[in-house]
């Protein structure tokens, strides 16, 4: 091989793009428990389609009622739930809840992290500034603030937050959406557990709340085992089997 060809091959190897979506699955530790954390403008009932699938596989499941009043309050609530688990535990989060599990996931009980169309900040990162590198989803235009707390308007919730969900389910979820402190979105973590724990990520290809390309960026940055779902932001409602199967992968259990 000539010298110029050797240099060309070496340079190509150094600059070749890496696809983490098809990366080899990380070595898993079999878990006993799963702790689920919902995101903004939702409550624990958003996991109601996923929970029975996980329980039928033999996992002990806890859904945290995330207070959404501050990052510190949400972290505390999740740590309390984690303290009640009696062995290896997979932490799972949807949407803004990914911020919380990135902080709490360094706990020794946690064997893996699963992000469902979720935020995944680095330690002390200005996540709002990072997100502005990608187009804003139309759901954000429907945010209504009152007394420091936010909700989504009914139109935005049904069209953009719960797109792909059956209309009757979407309306029920709108009725129980939990007020979310406006301040939590700028909250910064001091830890990023995905640096040290195996991670999985479900990208929602039709997401109008978090830009799907932003989700792909986050998944690739953490080298997560990644799946892409033909779903809107609430894939845990519209595609519960696929979401549950990703969690089962992380817990070291056979798929349902």
C-alpha atoms as a PDB file:
ATOM      1  CA  UNK A   1       0.000   0.000   0.000  1.00  0.00           C
ATOM      2  CA  UNK A   2       1.419   3.403  -0.930  1.00  0.00           C
ATOM      3  CA  UNK A   3       2.042   6.039   1.683  1.00  0.00           C
ATOM      4  CA  UNK A   4      -0.734   8.365   0.427  1.00  0.00           C
ATOM      5  CA  UNK A   5      -3.254   5.516   0.464  1.00  0.00           C
ATOM      6  CA  UNK A   6      -2.262   4.523   4.009  1.00  0.00           C
ATOM      7  CA  UNK A   7      -2.779   8.091   5.172  1.00  0.00           C
ATOM      8  CA  UNK A   8      -6.152   8.290   3.407  1.00  0.00           C
ATOM      9  CA  UNK A   9      -7.416   5.083   5.062  1.00  0.00           C
ATOM     10  CA  UNK A  10      -6.251   6.239   8.491  1.00  0.00           C
ATOM     11  CA  UNK A  11      -7.962   9.615   8.074  1.00  0.00           C
ATOM     12  CA  UNK A  12     -11.170   7.933   6.902  1.00  0.00           C
ATOM     13  CA  UNK A  13     -11.270   5.756   9.994  1.00  0.00           C
ATOM     14  CA  UNK A  14     -10.814   8.768  12.240  1.00  0.00           C
ATOM     15  CA  UNK A  15     -13.598  10.786  10.597  1.00  0.00           C
ATOM     16  CA  UNK A  16     -16.118   8.014   9.913  1.00  0.00           C
ATOM     17  CA  UNK A  17     -19.494   8.723  11.542  1.00  0.00           C
ATOM     18  CA  UNK A  18     -20.547   6.415  14.379  1.00  0.00           C
ATOM     19  CA  UNK A  19     -24.184   5.267  14.651  1.00  0.00           C
ATOM     20  CA  UNK A  20     -25.057   4.629  18.275  1.00  0.00           C
ATOM     21  CA  UNK A  21     -28.619   3.672  17.323  1.00  0.00           C
ATOM     22  CA  UNK A  22     -27.233   0.349  16.194  1.00  0.00           C
ATOM     23  CA  UNK A  23     -24.543   0.084  18.847  1.00  0.00           C
ATOM     24  CA  UNK A  24     -24.077  -3.225  20.607  1.00  0.00           C
ATOM     25  CA  UNK A  25     -26.403  -3.482  23.600  1.00  0.00           C
ATOM     26  CA  UNK A  26     -24.636  -2.822  26.915  1.00  0.00           C
ATOM     27  CA  UNK A  27     -24.132  -5.661  29.364  1.00  0.00           C
ATOM     28  CA  UNK A  28     -27.158  -5.634  31.633  1.00  0.00           C
ATOM     29  CA  UNK A  29     -27.563  -6.528  35.281  1.00  0.00           C
ATOM     30  CA  UNK A  30     -30.858  -8.279  35.946  1.00  0.00           C
ATOM     31  CA  UNK A  31     -33.061  -5.926  37.923  1.00  0.00           C
ATOM     32  CA  UNK A  32     -35.831  -6.667  40.407  1.00  0.00           C
ATOM     33  CA  UNK A  33     -37.493  -3.287  40.266  1.00  0.00           C
ATOM     34  CA  UNK A  34     -38.485  -0.506  37.904  1.00  0.00           C
ATOM     35  CA  UNK A  35     -39.116   3.068  39.044  1.00  0.00           C
ATOM     36  CA  UNK A  36     -41.044   5.201  36.553  1.00  0.00           C
ATOM     37  CA  UNK A  37     -40.995   8.995  36.489  1.00  0.00           C
ATOM     38  CA  UNK A  38     -43.433  11.104  34.483  1.00  0.00           C
ATOM     39  CA  UNK A  39     -42.608  14.462  32.970  1.00  0.00           C
ATOM     40  CA  UNK A  40     -44.161  17.907  32.835  1.00  0.00           C
ATOM     41  CA  UNK A  41     -47.898  18.400  32.300  1.00  0.00           C
ATOM     42  CA  UNK A  42     -48.633  14.803  33.308  1.00  0.00           C
ATOM     43  CA  UNK A  43     -49.027  12.554  36.335  1.00  0.00           C
ATOM     44  CA  UNK A  44     -48.260   8.940  37.228  1.00  0.00           C
ATOM     45  CA  UNK A  45     -51.302   7.675  35.323  1.00  0.00           C
ATOM     46  CA  UNK A  46     -49.415   8.304  32.082  1.00  0.00           C
ATOM     47  CA  UNK A  47     -47.626   4.981  32.769  1.00  0.00           C
ATOM     48  CA  UNK A  48     -50.865   2.993  33.182  1.00  0.00           C
ATOM     49  CA  UNK A  49     -50.487   1.186  29.837  1.00  0.00           C
ATOM     50  CA  UNK A  50     -46.863   0.198  30.492  1.00  0.00           C
ATOM     51  CA  UNK A  51     -47.126  -0.929  34.119  1.00  0.00           C
ATOM     52  CA  UNK A  52     -49.198  -4.125  33.572  1.00  0.00           C
ATOM     53  CA  UNK A  53     -46.750  -5.362  30.923  1.00  0.00           C
ATOM     54  CA  UNK A  54     -43.794  -4.942  33.280  1.00  0.00           C
ATOM     55  CA  UNK A  55     -45.656  -6.535  36.183  1.00  0.00           C
ATOM     56  CA  UNK A  56     -46.656  -9.511  34.040  1.00  0.00           C
ATOM     57  CA  UNK A  57     -42.943 -10.094  33.410  1.00  0.00           C
ATOM     58  CA  UNK A  58     -42.288 -10.340  37.152  1.00  0.00           C
ATOM     59  CA  UNK A  59     -40.899  -6.882  37.852  1.00  0.00           C
ATOM     60  CA  UNK A  60     -41.820  -4.823  40.902  1.00  0.00           C
ATOM     61  CA  UNK A  61     -42.985  -1.446  39.564  1.00  0.00           C
ATOM     62  CA  UNK A  62     -43.279   1.941  41.265  1.00  0.00           C
ATOM     63  CA  UNK A  63     -44.582   5.070  39.543  1.00  0.00           C
ATOM     64  CA  UNK A  64     -43.443   8.252  41.259  1.00  0.00           C
ATOM     65  CA  UNK A  65     -45.968  11.064  41.599  1.00  0.00           C
ATOM     66  CA  UNK A  66     -43.527  13.716  40.474  1.00  0.00           C
ATOM     67  CA  UNK A  67     -44.397  17.007  42.237  1.00  0.00           C
ATOM     68  CA  UNK A  68     -43.055  19.189  39.385  1.00  0.00           C
ATOM     69  CA  UNK A  69     -42.653  22.075  41.838  1.00  0.00           C
ATOM     70  CA  UNK A  70     -38.849  22.241  41.574  1.00  0.00           C
ATOM     71  CA  UNK A  71     -35.952  20.084  40.453  1.00  0.00           C
ATOM     72  CA  UNK A  72     -34.993  19.558  44.107  1.00  0.00           C
ATOM     73  CA  UNK A  73     -38.520  18.416  45.032  1.00  0.00           C
ATOM     74  CA  UNK A  74     -38.664  15.997  42.105  1.00  0.00           C
ATOM     75  CA  UNK A  75     -35.228  14.596  42.955  1.00  0.00           C
ATOM     76  CA  UNK A  76     -36.273  14.104  46.582  1.00  0.00           C
ATOM     77  CA  UNK A  77     -39.497  12.301  45.608  1.00  0.00           C
ATOM     78  CA  UNK A  78     -37.583   9.983  43.285  1.00  0.00           C
ATOM     79  CA  UNK A  79     -34.923   9.251  45.894  1.00  0.00           C
ATOM     80  CA  UNK A  80     -37.640   8.330  48.393  1.00  0.00           C
ATOM     81  CA  UNK A  81     -39.114   5.859  45.899  1.00  0.00           C
ATOM     82  CA  UNK A  82     -35.671   4.464  45.128  1.00  0.00           C
ATOM     83  CA  UNK A  83     -34.917   3.990  48.835  1.00  0.00           C
ATOM     84  CA  UNK A  84     -37.940   1.696  49.105  1.00  0.00           C
ATOM     85  CA  UNK A  85     -36.602  -0.706  46.458  1.00  0.00           C
ATOM     86  CA  UNK A  86     -34.979  -3.874  47.757  1.00  0.00           C
ATOM     87  CA  UNK A  87     -32.455  -4.542  45.031  1.00  0.00           C
ATOM     88  CA  UNK A  88     -31.219  -3.680  41.540  1.00  0.00           C
ATOM     89  CA  UNK A  89     -33.479  -1.075  39.951  1.00  0.00           C
ATOM     90  CA  UNK A  90     -33.957   0.422  36.504  1.00  0.00           C
ATOM     91  CA  UNK A  91     -34.886   4.108  36.460  1.00  0.00           C
ATOM     92  CA  UNK A  92     -37.173   5.193  33.631  1.00  0.00           C
ATOM     93  CA  UNK A  93     -38.264   8.704  32.723  1.00  0.00           C
ATOM     94  CA  UNK A  94     -40.434  10.443  30.198  1.00  0.00           C
ATOM     95  CA  UNK A  95     -39.821  13.978  28.946  1.00  0.00           C
ATOM     96  CA  UNK A  96     -38.644  16.412  31.671  1.00  0.00           C
ATOM     97  CA  UNK A  97     -38.317  13.456  34.067  1.00  0.00           C
ATOM     98  CA  UNK A  98     -35.081  12.614  32.264  1.00  0.00           C
ATOM     99  CA  UNK A  99     -33.507  15.564  34.069  1.00  0.00           C
ATOM    100  CA  UNK A 100     -34.330  13.925  37.392  1.00  0.00           C
ATOM    101  CA  UNK A 101     -33.035  10.434  36.633  1.00  0.00           C
ATOM    102  CA  UNK A 102     -29.832  11.948  35.269  1.00  0.00           C
ATOM    103  CA  UNK A 103     -29.307  13.355  38.782  1.00  0.00           C
ATOM    104  CA  UNK A 104     -30.609  10.422  40.856  1.00  0.00           C
ATOM    105  CA  UNK A 105     -29.261   7.611  38.686  1.00  0.00           C
ATOM    106  CA  UNK A 106     -25.823   7.577  40.308  1.00  0.00           C
ATOM    107  CA  UNK A 107     -27.387   5.725  43.259  1.00  0.00           C
ATOM    108  CA  UNK A 108     -25.734   2.276  43.669  1.00  0.00           C
ATOM    109  CA  UNK A 109     -29.104   0.507  43.356  1.00  0.00           C
ATOM    110  CA  UNK A 110     -29.565   1.815  39.808  1.00  0.00           C
ATOM    111  CA  UNK A 111     -28.421  -0.633  37.147  1.00  0.00           C
ATOM    112  CA  UNK A 112     -29.698   1.203  34.077  1.00  0.00           C
ATOM    113  CA  UNK A 113     -31.432   4.326  32.813  1.00  0.00           C
ATOM    114  CA  UNK A 114     -34.221   4.438  30.232  1.00  0.00           C
ATOM    115  CA  UNK A 115     -35.197   7.703  28.573  1.00  0.00           C
ATOM    116  CA  UNK A 116     -38.535   7.918  26.752  1.00  0.00           C
ATOM    117  CA  UNK A 117     -38.553  11.026  24.526  1.00  0.00           C
ATOM    118  CA  UNK A 118     -36.753  12.603  27.450  1.00  0.00           C
ATOM    119  CA  UNK A 119     -34.309  15.283  28.424  1.00  0.00           C
ATOM    120  CA  UNK A 120     -30.820  14.081  29.314  1.00  0.00           C
ATOM    121  CA  UNK A 121     -28.718  16.990  30.555  1.00  0.00           C
ATOM    122  CA  UNK A 122     -25.039  16.859  31.341  1.00  0.00           C
ATOM    123  CA  UNK A 123     -23.894  18.041  34.770  1.00  0.00           C
ATOM    124  CA  UNK A 124     -24.322  21.806  35.234  1.00  0.00           C
ATOM    125  CA  UNK A 125     -25.420  22.166  31.618  1.00  0.00           C
ATOM    126  CA  UNK A 126     -27.586  25.040  30.406  1.00  0.00           C
ATOM    127  CA  UNK A 127     -30.115  22.701  28.826  1.00  0.00           C
ATOM    128  CA  UNK A 128     -32.395  25.514  27.662  1.00  0.00           C
ATOM    129  CA  UNK A 129     -29.542  26.995  25.616  1.00  0.00           C
ATOM    130  CA  UNK A 130     -28.676  23.564  24.235  1.00  0.00           C
ATOM    131  CA  UNK A 131     -32.257  22.919  23.162  1.00  0.00           C
ATOM    132  CA  UNK A 132     -32.324  26.175  21.209  1.00  0.00           C
ATOM    133  CA  UNK A 133     -29.925  24.624  18.707  1.00  0.00           C
ATOM    134  CA  UNK A 134     -32.951  22.678  17.431  1.00  0.00           C
ATOM    135  CA  UNK A 135     -36.349  23.930  16.202  1.00  0.00           C
ATOM    136  CA  UNK A 136     -38.940  24.395  18.958  1.00  0.00           C
ATOM    137  CA  UNK A 137     -41.936  22.070  18.845  1.00  0.00           C
ATOM    138  CA  UNK A 138     -45.394  23.620  18.382  1.00  0.00           C
ATOM    139  CA  UNK A 139     -46.582  22.335  21.761  1.00  0.00           C
ATOM    140  CA  UNK A 140     -44.522  25.042  23.481  1.00  0.00           C
ATOM    141  CA  UNK A 141     -46.714  27.752  21.965  1.00  0.00           C
ATOM    142  CA  UNK A 142     -49.596  26.371  24.038  1.00  0.00           C
ATOM    143  CA  UNK A 143     -47.909  26.836  27.421  1.00  0.00           C
ATOM    144  CA  UNK A 144     -50.041  28.995  29.713  1.00  0.00           C
ATOM    145  CA  UNK A 145     -48.464  30.384  32.900  1.00  0.00           C
ATOM    146  CA  UNK A 146     -50.263  31.493  36.042  1.00  0.00           C
ATOM    147  CA  UNK A 147     -48.745  32.253  39.446  1.00  0.00           C
ATOM    148  CA  UNK A 148     -45.432  30.697  38.412  1.00  0.00           C
ATOM    149  CA  UNK A 149     -46.983  27.406  37.257  1.00  0.00           C
ATOM    150  CA  UNK A 150     -47.639  26.265  33.718  1.00  0.00           C
ATOM    151  CA  UNK A 151     -50.166  24.113  31.931  1.00  0.00           C
ATOM    152  CA  UNK A 152     -50.755  23.312  28.279  1.00  0.00           C
ATOM    153  CA  UNK A 153     -53.864  24.672  26.639  1.00  0.00           C
ATOM    154  CA  UNK A 154     -56.385  22.034  25.633  1.00  0.00           C
ATOM    155  CA  UNK A 155     -55.764  22.657  21.937  1.00  0.00           C
ATOM    156  CA  UNK A 156     -51.976  22.289  22.277  1.00  0.00           C
ATOM    157  CA  UNK A 157     -52.278  19.284  24.558  1.00  0.00           C
ATOM    158  CA  UNK A 158     -54.558  17.331  22.230  1.00  0.00           C
ATOM    159  CA  UNK A 159     -52.935  18.338  18.921  1.00  0.00           C
ATOM    160  CA  UNK A 160     -49.245  18.411  19.799  1.00  0.00           C
ATOM    161  CA  UNK A 161     -48.542  16.850  23.197  1.00  0.00           C
ATOM    162  CA  UNK A 162     -50.824  13.822  22.804  1.00  0.00           C
ATOM    163  CA  UNK A 163     -50.734  13.435  19.031  1.00  0.00           C
ATOM    164  CA  UNK A 164     -51.116   9.772  18.124  1.00  0.00           C
ATOM    165  CA  UNK A 165     -53.038   8.977  21.317  1.00  0.00           C
ATOM    166  CA  UNK A 166     -56.685   7.899  21.066  1.00  0.00           C
ATOM    167  CA  UNK A 167     -58.895  11.002  21.494  1.00  0.00           C
ATOM    168  CA  UNK A 168     -60.668   9.713  24.594  1.00  0.00           C
ATOM    169  CA  UNK A 169     -57.340   8.871  26.250  1.00  0.00           C
ATOM    170  CA  UNK A 170     -55.866  12.234  25.283  1.00  0.00           C
ATOM    171  CA  UNK A 171     -58.810  14.081  26.832  1.00  0.00           C
ATOM    172  CA  UNK A 172     -58.492  12.093  30.067  1.00  0.00           C
ATOM    173  CA  UNK A 173     -54.768  12.863  30.238  1.00  0.00           C
ATOM    174  CA  UNK A 174     -55.503  16.539  29.635  1.00  0.00           C
ATOM    175  CA  UNK A 175     -57.920  16.490  32.564  1.00  0.00           C
ATOM    176  CA  UNK A 176     -55.278  15.139  34.968  1.00  0.00           C
ATOM    177  CA  UNK A 177     -52.271  17.122  33.733  1.00  0.00           C
ATOM    178  CA  UNK A 178     -50.254  18.318  36.721  1.00  0.00           C
ATOM    179  CA  UNK A 179     -49.300  22.010  37.027  1.00  0.00           C
ATOM    180  CA  UNK A 180     -45.595  22.415  36.343  1.00  0.00           C
ATOM    181  CA  UNK A 181     -43.443  25.155  37.852  1.00  0.00           C
ATOM    182  CA  UNK A 182     -42.078  27.393  35.127  1.00  0.00           C
ATOM    183  CA  UNK A 183     -38.718  27.460  36.920  1.00  0.00           C
ATOM    184  CA  UNK A 184     -37.971  23.742  36.589  1.00  0.00           C
ATOM    185  CA  UNK A 185     -37.009  23.911  32.930  1.00  0.00           C
ATOM    186  CA  UNK A 186     -33.931  26.016  33.713  1.00  0.00           C
ATOM    187  CA  UNK A 187     -32.886  23.825  36.654  1.00  0.00           C
ATOM    188  CA  UNK A 188     -29.400  22.352  36.380  1.00  0.00           C
ATOM    189  CA  UNK A 189     -28.256  18.969  37.617  1.00  0.00           C
ATOM    190  CA  UNK A 190     -24.971  18.390  39.423  1.00  0.00           C
ATOM    191  CA  UNK A 191     -24.704  14.816  38.128  1.00  0.00           C
ATOM    192  CA  UNK A 192     -25.136  13.087  34.777  1.00  0.00           C
ATOM    193  CA  UNK A 193     -25.639   9.427  35.631  1.00  0.00           C
ATOM    194  CA  UNK A 194     -25.627   8.383  31.985  1.00  0.00           C
ATOM    195  CA  UNK A 195     -21.855   8.841  31.965  1.00  0.00           C
ATOM    196  CA  UNK A 196     -21.483   5.861  34.311  1.00  0.00           C
ATOM    197  CA  UNK A 197     -24.678   3.786  33.893  1.00  0.00           C
ATOM    198  CA  UNK A 198     -25.910   1.874  30.814  1.00  0.00           C
ATOM    199  CA  UNK A 199     -28.599   3.866  29.037  1.00  0.00           C
ATOM    200  CA  UNK A 200     -31.477   3.219  26.652  1.00  0.00           C
ATOM    201  CA  UNK A 201     -33.447   5.793  24.661  1.00  0.00           C
ATOM    202  CA  UNK A 202     -36.757   5.737  22.780  1.00  0.00           C
ATOM    203  CA  UNK A 203     -36.951   8.490  20.159  1.00  0.00           C
ATOM    204  CA  UNK A 204     -40.442   9.626  19.151  1.00  0.00           C
ATOM    205  CA  UNK A 205     -40.239  10.303  15.419  1.00  0.00           C
ATOM    206  CA  UNK A 206     -43.453  12.378  15.379  1.00  0.00           C
ATOM    207  CA  UNK A 207     -42.740  14.381  18.540  1.00  0.00           C
ATOM    208  CA  UNK A 208     -44.118  17.951  18.542  1.00  0.00           C
ATOM    209  CA  UNK A 209     -42.935  18.719  22.075  1.00  0.00           C
ATOM    210  CA  UNK A 210     -39.225  17.810  21.964  1.00  0.00           C
ATOM    211  CA  UNK A 211     -37.637  17.925  18.530  1.00  0.00           C
ATOM    212  CA  UNK A 212     -36.899  14.347  17.358  1.00  0.00           C
ATOM    213  CA  UNK A 213     -33.457  15.377  16.092  1.00  0.00           C
ATOM    214  CA  UNK A 214     -32.700  16.757  19.543  1.00  0.00           C
ATOM    215  CA  UNK A 215     -33.719  13.400  21.013  1.00  0.00           C
ATOM    216  CA  UNK A 216     -31.385  11.652  18.567  1.00  0.00           C
ATOM    217  CA  UNK A 217     -28.572  14.011  19.551  1.00  0.00           C
ATOM    218  CA  UNK A 218     -29.086  13.247  23.248  1.00  0.00           C
ATOM    219  CA  UNK A 219     -29.254   9.496  22.654  1.00  0.00           C
ATOM    220  CA  UNK A 220     -26.080   9.539  20.584  1.00  0.00           C
ATOM    221  CA  UNK A 221     -24.255  11.737  23.100  1.00  0.00           C
ATOM    222  CA  UNK A 222     -24.884   9.239  25.898  1.00  0.00           C
ATOM    223  CA  UNK A 223     -24.145   6.266  23.610  1.00  0.00           C
ATOM    224  CA  UNK A 224     -27.587   4.877  24.462  1.00  0.00           C
ATOM    225  CA  UNK A 225     -29.075   1.764  22.949  1.00  0.00           C
ATOM    226  CA  UNK A 226     -31.719   3.490  20.859  1.00  0.00           C
ATOM    227  CA  UNK A 227     -35.040   2.652  19.246  1.00  0.00           C
ATOM    228  CA  UNK A 228     -37.143   4.946  17.086  1.00  0.00           C
ATOM    229  CA  UNK A 229     -40.922   4.780  17.406  1.00  0.00           C
ATOM    230  CA  UNK A 230     -43.580   6.034  14.995  1.00  0.00           C
ATOM    231  CA  UNK A 231     -45.112   7.972  17.854  1.00  0.00           C
ATOM    232  CA  UNK A 232     -45.740  11.426  19.223  1.00  0.00           C
ATOM    233  CA  UNK A 233     -44.422  12.671  22.540  1.00  0.00           C
ATOM    234  CA  UNK A 234     -46.619  10.310  24.595  1.00  0.00           C
ATOM    235  CA  UNK A 235     -45.212   7.081  23.190  1.00  0.00           C
ATOM    236  CA  UNK A 236     -45.669   5.469  26.610  1.00  0.00           C
ATOM    237  CA  UNK A 237     -49.429   5.792  26.003  1.00  0.00           C
ATOM    238  CA  UNK A 238     -49.678   5.176  22.265  1.00  0.00           C
ATOM    239  CA  UNK A 239     -46.950   2.498  22.025  1.00  0.00           C
ATOM    240  CA  UNK A 240     -46.843   0.883  25.488  1.00  0.00           C
ATOM    241  CA  UNK A 241     -45.600  -2.522  24.312  1.00  0.00           C
ATOM    242  CA  UNK A 242     -42.596  -1.056  22.505  1.00  0.00           C
ATOM    243  CA  UNK A 243     -41.765   1.161  25.478  1.00  0.00           C
ATOM    244  CA  UNK A 244     -42.193  -1.739  27.909  1.00  0.00           C
ATOM    245  CA  UNK A 245     -39.941  -3.943  25.785  1.00  0.00           C
ATOM    246  CA  UNK A 246     -37.151  -1.358  25.903  1.00  0.00           C
ATOM    247  CA  UNK A 247     -37.485  -1.270  29.700  1.00  0.00           C
ATOM    248  CA  UNK A 248     -37.432  -5.082  29.825  1.00  0.00           C
ATOM    249  CA  UNK A 249     -34.220  -5.004  27.770  1.00  0.00           C
ATOM    250  CA  UNK A 250     -32.666  -2.666  30.318  1.00  0.00           C
ATOM    251  CA  UNK A 251     -33.842  -4.873  33.198  1.00  0.00           C
ATOM    252  CA  UNK A 252     -32.436  -8.030  31.629  1.00  0.00           C
ATOM    253  CA  UNK A 253     -35.853  -9.655  31.055  1.00  0.00           C
ATOM    254  CA  UNK A 254     -37.292 -11.295  27.911  1.00  0.00           C
ATOM    255  CA  UNK A 255     -39.484  -9.056  25.778  1.00  0.00           C
ATOM    256  CA  UNK A 256     -43.222  -9.445  26.093  1.00  0.00           C
END
